[in-house]
């Protein structure tokens, strides 16, 4: 994809310890399709880390997809930890992935983002629906 800062031999940003090209890169470049919600979530994290806005939009469900995505503010993604999954397997049509991601913008201190992402599989493809919004008491 044009504009993606990418080397297929560098370590994948998702933390798998595999080369990017063998891990999330194959999803982002369109040569493979994620089979699970977790694979899609990890590839979307990697797409944010690599500046692949087109992939992010293509994997966002049409019911919640923004009209455009501005990745001009350069965030440096520092790490991803998957906390848990619910559903989202190859035979499921819905799934959730809870994760913690760390990032930094410019010279600011590192920030921590916790999210439970919702996914749906339609016509054999997984799509990101959005984040589970916690109740006011902090529980999802």
N, C-alpha and C. Protein backbone atom coordinates (compact mmCIF):
# COMPACT_ATOMS: atom_id res chain seq x y z
N UNK A 1 0.84 -1.18 0.00
CA UNK A 1 0.00 0.00 0.00
C UNK A 1 0.88 1.24 0.00
N UNK A 2 0.60 2.21 -0.82
CA UNK A 2 1.40 3.41 -0.86
C UNK A 2 1.32 4.16 0.46
N UNK A 3 2.44 4.76 0.85
CA UNK A 3 2.46 5.59 2.04
C UNK A 3 2.69 4.86 3.34
N UNK A 4 2.73 3.54 3.32
CA UNK A 4 2.92 2.80 4.56
C UNK A 4 4.41 2.69 4.85
N UNK A 5 4.78 3.10 6.05
CA UNK A 5 6.17 2.94 6.48
C UNK A 5 6.33 1.47 6.84
N UNK A 6 7.01 0.71 5.96
CA UNK A 6 6.97 -0.73 6.14
C UNK A 6 8.24 -1.41 5.66
N UNK A 7 8.67 -2.37 6.42
CA UNK A 7 9.71 -3.31 6.01
C UNK A 7 9.18 -4.66 6.45
N UNK A 8 8.93 -5.59 5.51
CA UNK A 8 8.32 -6.86 5.88
C UNK A 8 9.18 -7.72 6.79
N UNK A 9 10.46 -7.41 6.94
CA UNK A 9 11.36 -8.22 7.77
C UNK A 9 11.48 -7.72 9.20
N UNK A 10 11.04 -6.50 9.50
CA UNK A 10 11.12 -5.99 10.87
C UNK A 10 10.07 -6.68 11.73
N UNK A 11 10.26 -6.65 13.02
CA UNK A 11 9.32 -7.30 13.95
C UNK A 11 7.94 -6.65 13.83
N UNK A 12 6.92 -7.45 13.91
CA UNK A 12 5.55 -6.95 13.81
C UNK A 12 5.23 -6.10 15.04
N UNK A 13 4.60 -4.95 14.85
CA UNK A 13 4.23 -4.09 15.98
C UNK A 13 3.29 -4.76 16.98
N UNK A 14 2.55 -5.80 16.56
CA UNK A 14 1.56 -6.41 17.45
C UNK A 14 2.18 -7.21 18.59
N UNK A 15 3.51 -7.40 18.55
CA UNK A 15 4.18 -8.09 19.64
C UNK A 15 4.30 -9.58 19.49
N UNK A 16 4.04 -10.10 18.31
CA UNK A 16 4.07 -11.54 18.10
C UNK A 16 5.49 -12.11 18.02
N UNK A 17 6.49 -11.25 17.85
CA UNK A 17 7.88 -11.65 17.62
C UNK A 17 8.10 -12.27 16.25
N UNK A 18 7.12 -12.19 15.37
CA UNK A 18 7.26 -12.64 13.98
C UNK A 18 7.61 -11.44 13.11
N UNK A 19 8.22 -11.67 11.95
CA UNK A 19 8.43 -10.56 11.02
C UNK A 19 7.07 -9.99 10.59
N UNK A 20 7.03 -8.68 10.41
CA UNK A 20 5.79 -8.01 10.02
C UNK A 20 5.15 -8.66 8.79
N UNK A 21 5.94 -9.00 7.79
CA UNK A 21 5.41 -9.59 6.56
C UNK A 21 4.77 -10.95 6.76
N UNK A 22 5.21 -11.69 7.78
CA UNK A 22 4.64 -13.01 8.07
C UNK A 22 3.48 -12.93 9.05
N UNK A 23 3.31 -11.79 9.67
CA UNK A 23 2.28 -11.63 10.70
C UNK A 23 1.19 -10.69 10.17
N UNK A 24 1.09 -9.51 10.71
CA UNK A 24 0.02 -8.57 10.34
C UNK A 24 0.20 -7.96 8.96
N UNK A 25 1.42 -7.89 8.47
CA UNK A 25 1.66 -7.29 7.16
C UNK A 25 0.89 -7.94 6.04
N UNK A 26 0.70 -9.25 6.11
CA UNK A 26 -0.05 -9.96 5.06
C UNK A 26 -1.52 -9.57 5.05
N UNK A 27 -2.05 -9.18 6.21
CA UNK A 27 -3.44 -8.71 6.26
C UNK A 27 -3.52 -7.27 5.75
N UNK A 28 -2.60 -6.44 6.23
CA UNK A 28 -2.61 -5.03 5.85
C UNK A 28 -2.38 -4.86 4.35
N UNK A 29 -1.53 -5.70 3.75
CA UNK A 29 -1.28 -5.57 2.30
C UNK A 29 -2.33 -6.29 1.45
N UNK A 30 -3.28 -6.99 2.08
CA UNK A 30 -4.37 -7.63 1.36
C UNK A 30 -4.07 -9.01 0.81
N UNK A 31 -2.92 -9.59 1.15
CA UNK A 31 -2.60 -10.93 0.62
C UNK A 31 -3.24 -12.04 1.45
N UNK A 32 -3.79 -11.71 2.61
CA UNK A 32 -4.50 -12.69 3.46
C UNK A 32 -5.63 -11.96 4.19
N UNK A 33 -6.58 -12.75 4.69
CA UNK A 33 -7.72 -12.21 5.42
C UNK A 33 -7.67 -12.75 6.85
N UNK A 34 -7.80 -11.89 7.87
CA UNK A 34 -7.81 -12.39 9.25
C UNK A 34 -8.92 -13.43 9.46
N UNK A 35 -8.55 -14.53 10.13
CA UNK A 35 -9.52 -15.59 10.39
C UNK A 35 -10.23 -15.42 11.72
N UNK A 36 -9.68 -14.59 12.60
CA UNK A 36 -10.28 -14.38 13.92
C UNK A 36 -10.36 -12.90 14.22
N UNK A 37 -11.23 -12.57 15.18
CA UNK A 37 -11.33 -11.18 15.62
C UNK A 37 -10.01 -10.70 16.22
N UNK A 38 -9.31 -11.57 16.93
CA UNK A 38 -8.02 -11.16 17.51
C UNK A 38 -7.01 -10.84 16.42
N UNK A 39 -6.96 -11.64 15.36
CA UNK A 39 -6.05 -11.33 14.26
C UNK A 39 -6.38 -9.97 13.64
N UNK A 40 -7.68 -9.68 13.50
CA UNK A 40 -8.06 -8.39 12.94
C UNK A 40 -7.65 -7.27 13.89
N UNK A 41 -7.89 -7.44 15.19
CA UNK A 41 -7.52 -6.40 16.15
C UNK A 41 -6.01 -6.16 16.11
N UNK A 42 -5.22 -7.23 16.11
CA UNK A 42 -3.76 -7.09 16.07
C UNK A 42 -3.31 -6.40 14.78
N UNK A 43 -3.93 -6.77 13.65
CA UNK A 43 -3.55 -6.15 12.38
C UNK A 43 -3.96 -4.68 12.34
N UNK A 44 -5.06 -4.33 12.98
CA UNK A 44 -5.46 -2.93 13.04
C UNK A 44 -4.50 -2.13 13.92
N UNK A 45 -4.05 -2.72 15.03
CA UNK A 45 -3.03 -2.06 15.85
C UNK A 45 -1.77 -1.81 15.00
N UNK A 46 -1.35 -2.84 14.27
CA UNK A 46 -0.17 -2.71 13.42
C UNK A 46 -0.39 -1.66 12.34
N UNK A 47 -1.61 -1.58 11.81
CA UNK A 47 -1.92 -0.57 10.79
C UNK A 47 -1.81 0.83 11.38
N UNK A 48 -2.27 1.03 12.61
CA UNK A 48 -2.07 2.33 13.26
C UNK A 48 -0.58 2.61 13.41
N UNK A 49 0.19 1.62 13.82
CA UNK A 49 1.62 1.80 14.02
C UNK A 49 2.35 2.10 12.71
N UNK A 50 1.83 1.58 11.59
CA UNK A 50 2.47 1.75 10.29
C UNK A 50 1.83 2.86 9.45
N UNK A 51 0.78 3.50 9.96
CA UNK A 51 0.14 4.58 9.22
C UNK A 51 -0.72 4.12 8.06
N UNK A 52 -1.32 2.95 8.16
CA UNK A 52 -2.12 2.38 7.07
C UNK A 52 -3.60 2.72 7.23
N UNK A 53 -3.93 3.99 6.99
CA UNK A 53 -5.31 4.47 7.19
C UNK A 53 -6.29 3.72 6.29
N UNK A 54 -5.90 3.42 5.06
CA UNK A 54 -6.83 2.74 4.14
C UNK A 54 -7.27 1.38 4.69
N UNK A 55 -6.32 0.61 5.24
CA UNK A 55 -6.66 -0.68 5.82
C UNK A 55 -7.61 -0.50 7.01
N UNK A 56 -7.34 0.49 7.82
CA UNK A 56 -8.21 0.73 8.98
C UNK A 56 -9.64 1.02 8.53
N UNK A 57 -9.80 1.85 7.53
CA UNK A 57 -11.14 2.16 7.03
C UNK A 57 -11.79 0.95 6.38
N UNK A 58 -11.02 0.17 5.62
CA UNK A 58 -11.58 -1.01 4.96
C UNK A 58 -12.04 -2.07 5.94
N UNK A 59 -11.44 -2.13 7.12
CA UNK A 59 -11.79 -3.15 8.11
C UNK A 59 -12.76 -2.62 9.17
N UNK A 60 -13.21 -1.40 9.01
CA UNK A 60 -14.20 -0.79 9.90
C UNK A 60 -15.57 -1.10 9.33
N UNK A 61 -16.48 -1.61 10.12
CA UNK A 61 -17.82 -1.95 9.64
C UNK A 61 -18.53 -0.70 9.10
N UNK A 62 -19.23 -0.88 8.02
CA UNK A 62 -19.90 0.26 7.36
C UNK A 62 -20.87 1.00 8.28
N UNK A 63 -21.42 0.33 9.29
CA UNK A 63 -22.39 0.97 10.17
C UNK A 63 -21.73 1.96 11.14
N UNK A 64 -20.42 1.86 11.34
CA UNK A 64 -19.75 2.75 12.28
C UNK A 64 -18.48 3.40 11.70
N UNK A 65 -18.20 3.15 10.43
CA UNK A 65 -16.98 3.66 9.79
C UNK A 65 -17.04 5.17 9.63
N UNK A 66 -15.97 5.86 10.03
CA UNK A 66 -15.91 7.31 9.77
C UNK A 66 -15.68 7.55 8.28
N UNK A 67 -15.99 8.74 7.82
CA UNK A 67 -15.81 9.06 6.40
C UNK A 67 -14.33 9.18 6.04
N UNK A 68 -13.49 9.55 6.99
CA UNK A 68 -12.06 9.61 6.75
C UNK A 68 -11.33 9.39 8.08
N UNK A 69 -10.07 9.13 7.99
CA UNK A 69 -9.26 8.87 9.18
C UNK A 69 -7.98 9.68 9.05
N UNK A 70 -7.73 10.55 10.01
CA UNK A 70 -6.56 11.41 9.96
C UNK A 70 -5.48 10.85 10.89
N UNK A 71 -4.43 10.32 10.30
CA UNK A 71 -3.31 9.79 11.08
C UNK A 71 -2.10 10.72 11.00
N UNK A 72 -2.36 12.02 10.75
CA UNK A 72 -1.27 12.97 10.60
C UNK A 72 -0.52 13.22 11.90
N UNK A 73 -1.22 13.17 13.04
CA UNK A 73 -0.52 13.36 14.31
C UNK A 73 0.25 12.08 14.60
N UNK A 74 1.57 12.12 14.52
CA UNK A 74 2.37 10.89 14.57
C UNK A 74 2.45 10.30 15.98
N UNK A 75 1.66 9.30 16.22
CA UNK A 75 1.74 8.56 17.48
C UNK A 75 2.78 7.46 17.31
N UNK A 76 3.59 7.27 18.31
CA UNK A 76 4.53 6.15 18.30
C UNK A 76 3.91 5.08 19.20
N UNK A 77 3.56 3.97 18.60
CA UNK A 77 2.92 2.88 19.33
C UNK A 77 4.02 2.05 19.98
N UNK A 78 3.91 1.87 21.29
CA UNK A 78 4.98 1.28 22.09
C UNK A 78 4.76 -0.17 22.47
N UNK A 79 3.54 -0.65 22.41
CA UNK A 79 3.30 -2.04 22.77
C UNK A 79 1.83 -2.37 22.87
N UNK A 80 1.55 -3.64 22.71
CA UNK A 80 0.18 -4.17 22.74
C UNK A 80 0.16 -5.41 23.62
N UNK A 81 -0.85 -5.47 24.48
CA UNK A 81 -1.06 -6.67 25.30
C UNK A 81 -2.53 -7.03 25.21
N UNK A 82 -2.81 -8.23 24.71
CA UNK A 82 -4.19 -8.72 24.65
C UNK A 82 -4.54 -9.28 26.02
N UNK A 83 -5.61 -8.77 26.60
CA UNK A 83 -6.04 -9.16 27.93
C UNK A 83 -7.00 -10.35 27.87
N UNK A 84 -7.85 -10.38 26.86
CA UNK A 84 -8.80 -11.48 26.74
C UNK A 84 -9.63 -11.38 25.48
N UNK A 85 -10.25 -12.49 25.13
CA UNK A 85 -11.13 -12.54 23.97
C UNK A 85 -12.43 -13.24 24.37
N UNK A 86 -13.48 -12.88 23.68
CA UNK A 86 -14.77 -13.54 23.86
C UNK A 86 -15.33 -13.78 22.47
N UNK A 87 -15.52 -15.05 22.10
CA UNK A 87 -15.95 -15.36 20.73
C UNK A 87 -14.86 -14.95 19.76
N UNK A 88 -15.26 -14.67 18.54
CA UNK A 88 -14.32 -14.17 17.56
C UNK A 88 -13.50 -15.23 16.86
N UNK A 89 -13.88 -16.50 17.02
CA UNK A 89 -13.16 -17.59 16.37
C UNK A 89 -13.55 -17.75 14.91
N UNK A 90 -12.90 -18.66 14.21
CA UNK A 90 -13.18 -18.85 12.78
C UNK A 90 -14.62 -19.22 12.46
N UNK A 91 -15.34 -19.81 13.40
CA UNK A 91 -16.72 -20.20 13.15
C UNK A 91 -17.74 -19.22 13.73
N UNK A 92 -17.27 -18.22 14.48
CA UNK A 92 -18.16 -17.25 15.12
C UNK A 92 -18.53 -16.12 14.16
N UNK A 93 -19.60 -15.41 14.51
CA UNK A 93 -19.98 -14.23 13.74
C UNK A 93 -19.79 -12.95 14.54
N UNK A 94 -19.53 -13.08 15.82
CA UNK A 94 -19.28 -11.92 16.69
C UNK A 94 -18.13 -12.24 17.62
N UNK A 95 -17.45 -11.20 18.06
CA UNK A 95 -16.36 -11.39 19.00
C UNK A 95 -15.97 -10.08 19.66
N UNK A 96 -15.27 -10.21 20.77
CA UNK A 96 -14.74 -9.06 21.49
C UNK A 96 -13.29 -9.37 21.85
N UNK A 97 -12.46 -8.34 21.80
CA UNK A 97 -11.06 -8.46 22.21
C UNK A 97 -10.76 -7.30 23.14
N UNK A 98 -10.28 -7.63 24.33
CA UNK A 98 -9.88 -6.62 25.30
C UNK A 98 -8.36 -6.52 25.25
N UNK A 99 -7.87 -5.29 25.18
CA UNK A 99 -6.42 -5.10 25.06
C UNK A 99 -5.98 -3.82 25.76
N UNK A 100 -4.69 -3.74 25.98
CA UNK A 100 -4.04 -2.54 26.49
C UNK A 100 -2.96 -2.17 25.48
N UNK A 101 -2.97 -0.94 25.04
CA UNK A 101 -1.95 -0.44 24.11
C UNK A 101 -1.28 0.77 24.74
N UNK A 102 0.01 0.88 24.50
CA UNK A 102 0.75 2.05 24.97
C UNK A 102 1.26 2.83 23.78
N UNK A 103 1.21 4.17 23.89
CA UNK A 103 1.66 5.01 22.79
C UNK A 103 2.15 6.35 23.34
N UNK A 104 2.84 7.06 22.48
CA UNK A 104 3.35 8.38 22.83
C UNK A 104 3.13 9.29 21.63
N UNK A 105 2.75 10.53 21.89
CA UNK A 105 2.60 11.53 20.85
C UNK A 105 3.64 12.61 21.09
N UNK A 106 4.52 12.80 20.11
CA UNK A 106 5.57 13.80 20.26
C UNK A 106 6.45 13.49 21.45
N UNK A 107 6.79 14.50 22.21
CA UNK A 107 7.63 14.34 23.38
C UNK A 107 6.86 14.14 24.67
N UNK A 108 5.56 13.87 24.57
CA UNK A 108 4.74 13.71 25.78
C UNK A 108 5.03 12.37 26.45
N UNK A 109 4.66 12.24 27.71
CA UNK A 109 4.82 10.94 28.38
C UNK A 109 3.96 9.87 27.70
N UNK A 110 4.37 8.63 27.85
CA UNK A 110 3.61 7.51 27.28
C UNK A 110 2.21 7.47 27.88
N UNK A 111 1.26 7.10 27.06
CA UNK A 111 -0.13 6.97 27.48
C UNK A 111 -0.55 5.51 27.36
N UNK A 112 -1.55 5.16 28.12
CA UNK A 112 -2.07 3.80 28.12
C UNK A 112 -3.52 3.85 27.68
N UNK A 113 -3.87 3.00 26.73
CA UNK A 113 -5.23 2.93 26.23
C UNK A 113 -5.77 1.53 26.48
N UNK A 114 -6.86 1.43 27.20
CA UNK A 114 -7.52 0.13 27.42
C UNK A 114 -8.83 0.15 26.65
N UNK A 115 -9.10 -0.95 25.96
CA UNK A 115 -10.32 -1.00 25.16
C UNK A 115 -10.81 -2.44 25.03
N UNK A 116 -12.12 -2.58 24.97
CA UNK A 116 -12.74 -3.83 24.54
C UNK A 116 -13.38 -3.52 23.21
N UNK A 117 -12.79 -4.08 22.16
CA UNK A 117 -13.27 -3.84 20.79
C UNK A 117 -14.28 -4.91 20.41
N UNK A 118 -15.33 -4.49 19.69
CA UNK A 118 -16.36 -5.40 19.20
C UNK A 118 -16.15 -5.64 17.72
N UNK A 119 -16.36 -6.90 17.29
CA UNK A 119 -16.17 -7.28 15.90
C UNK A 119 -17.35 -8.11 15.42
N UNK A 120 -17.57 -8.06 14.12
CA UNK A 120 -18.61 -8.88 13.48
C UNK A 120 -18.00 -9.47 12.21
N UNK A 121 -18.41 -10.71 11.90
CA UNK A 121 -17.95 -11.35 10.67
C UNK A 121 -19.12 -11.43 9.71
N UNK A 122 -18.91 -10.88 8.52
CA UNK A 122 -19.93 -10.89 7.47
C UNK A 122 -19.28 -11.37 6.18
N UNK A 123 -19.93 -12.28 5.49
CA UNK A 123 -19.43 -12.82 4.22
C UNK A 123 -17.97 -13.27 4.34
N UNK A 124 -17.65 -13.89 5.48
CA UNK A 124 -16.33 -14.45 5.69
C UNK A 124 -15.25 -13.47 6.11
N UNK A 125 -15.60 -12.21 6.35
CA UNK A 125 -14.61 -11.20 6.73
C UNK A 125 -14.97 -10.58 8.06
N UNK A 126 -13.95 -10.36 8.89
CA UNK A 126 -14.14 -9.68 10.17
C UNK A 126 -14.07 -8.17 9.99
N UNK A 127 -14.94 -7.46 10.73
CA UNK A 127 -14.96 -6.00 10.71
C UNK A 127 -15.00 -5.47 12.14
N UNK A 128 -14.35 -4.35 12.36
CA UNK A 128 -14.38 -3.65 13.64
C UNK A 128 -15.67 -2.86 13.73
N UNK A 129 -16.43 -3.07 14.81
CA UNK A 129 -17.67 -2.32 15.03
C UNK A 129 -17.45 -1.08 15.88
N UNK A 130 -16.65 -1.21 16.90
CA UNK A 130 -16.42 -0.11 17.83
C UNK A 130 -16.04 -0.66 19.18
N UNK A 131 -15.86 0.25 20.12
CA UNK A 131 -15.46 -0.12 21.46
C UNK A 131 -16.69 -0.27 22.36
N UNK A 132 -16.61 -1.18 23.31
CA UNK A 132 -17.65 -1.31 24.33
C UNK A 132 -17.49 -0.10 25.25
N UNK A 133 -18.58 0.61 25.44
CA UNK A 133 -18.54 1.78 26.29
C UNK A 133 -18.85 1.36 27.72
N UNK A 134 -17.92 1.63 28.68
CA UNK A 134 -18.17 1.23 30.06
C UNK A 134 -19.30 2.05 30.69
N UNK A 135 -19.98 1.43 31.65
CA UNK A 135 -20.98 2.15 32.43
C UNK A 135 -20.27 3.19 33.28
N UNK A 136 -21.05 4.06 33.90
CA UNK A 136 -20.47 5.13 34.72
C UNK A 136 -19.69 4.58 35.91
N UNK A 137 -19.96 3.33 36.32
CA UNK A 137 -19.21 2.75 37.45
C UNK A 137 -17.92 2.10 36.98
N UNK A 138 -17.62 2.17 35.66
CA UNK A 138 -16.38 1.65 35.14
C UNK A 138 -16.46 0.26 34.55
N UNK A 139 -17.61 -0.42 34.72
CA UNK A 139 -17.73 -1.77 34.16
C UNK A 139 -18.32 -1.70 32.77
N UNK A 140 -17.91 -2.64 31.88
CA UNK A 140 -18.44 -2.63 30.51
C UNK A 140 -19.91 -2.98 30.44
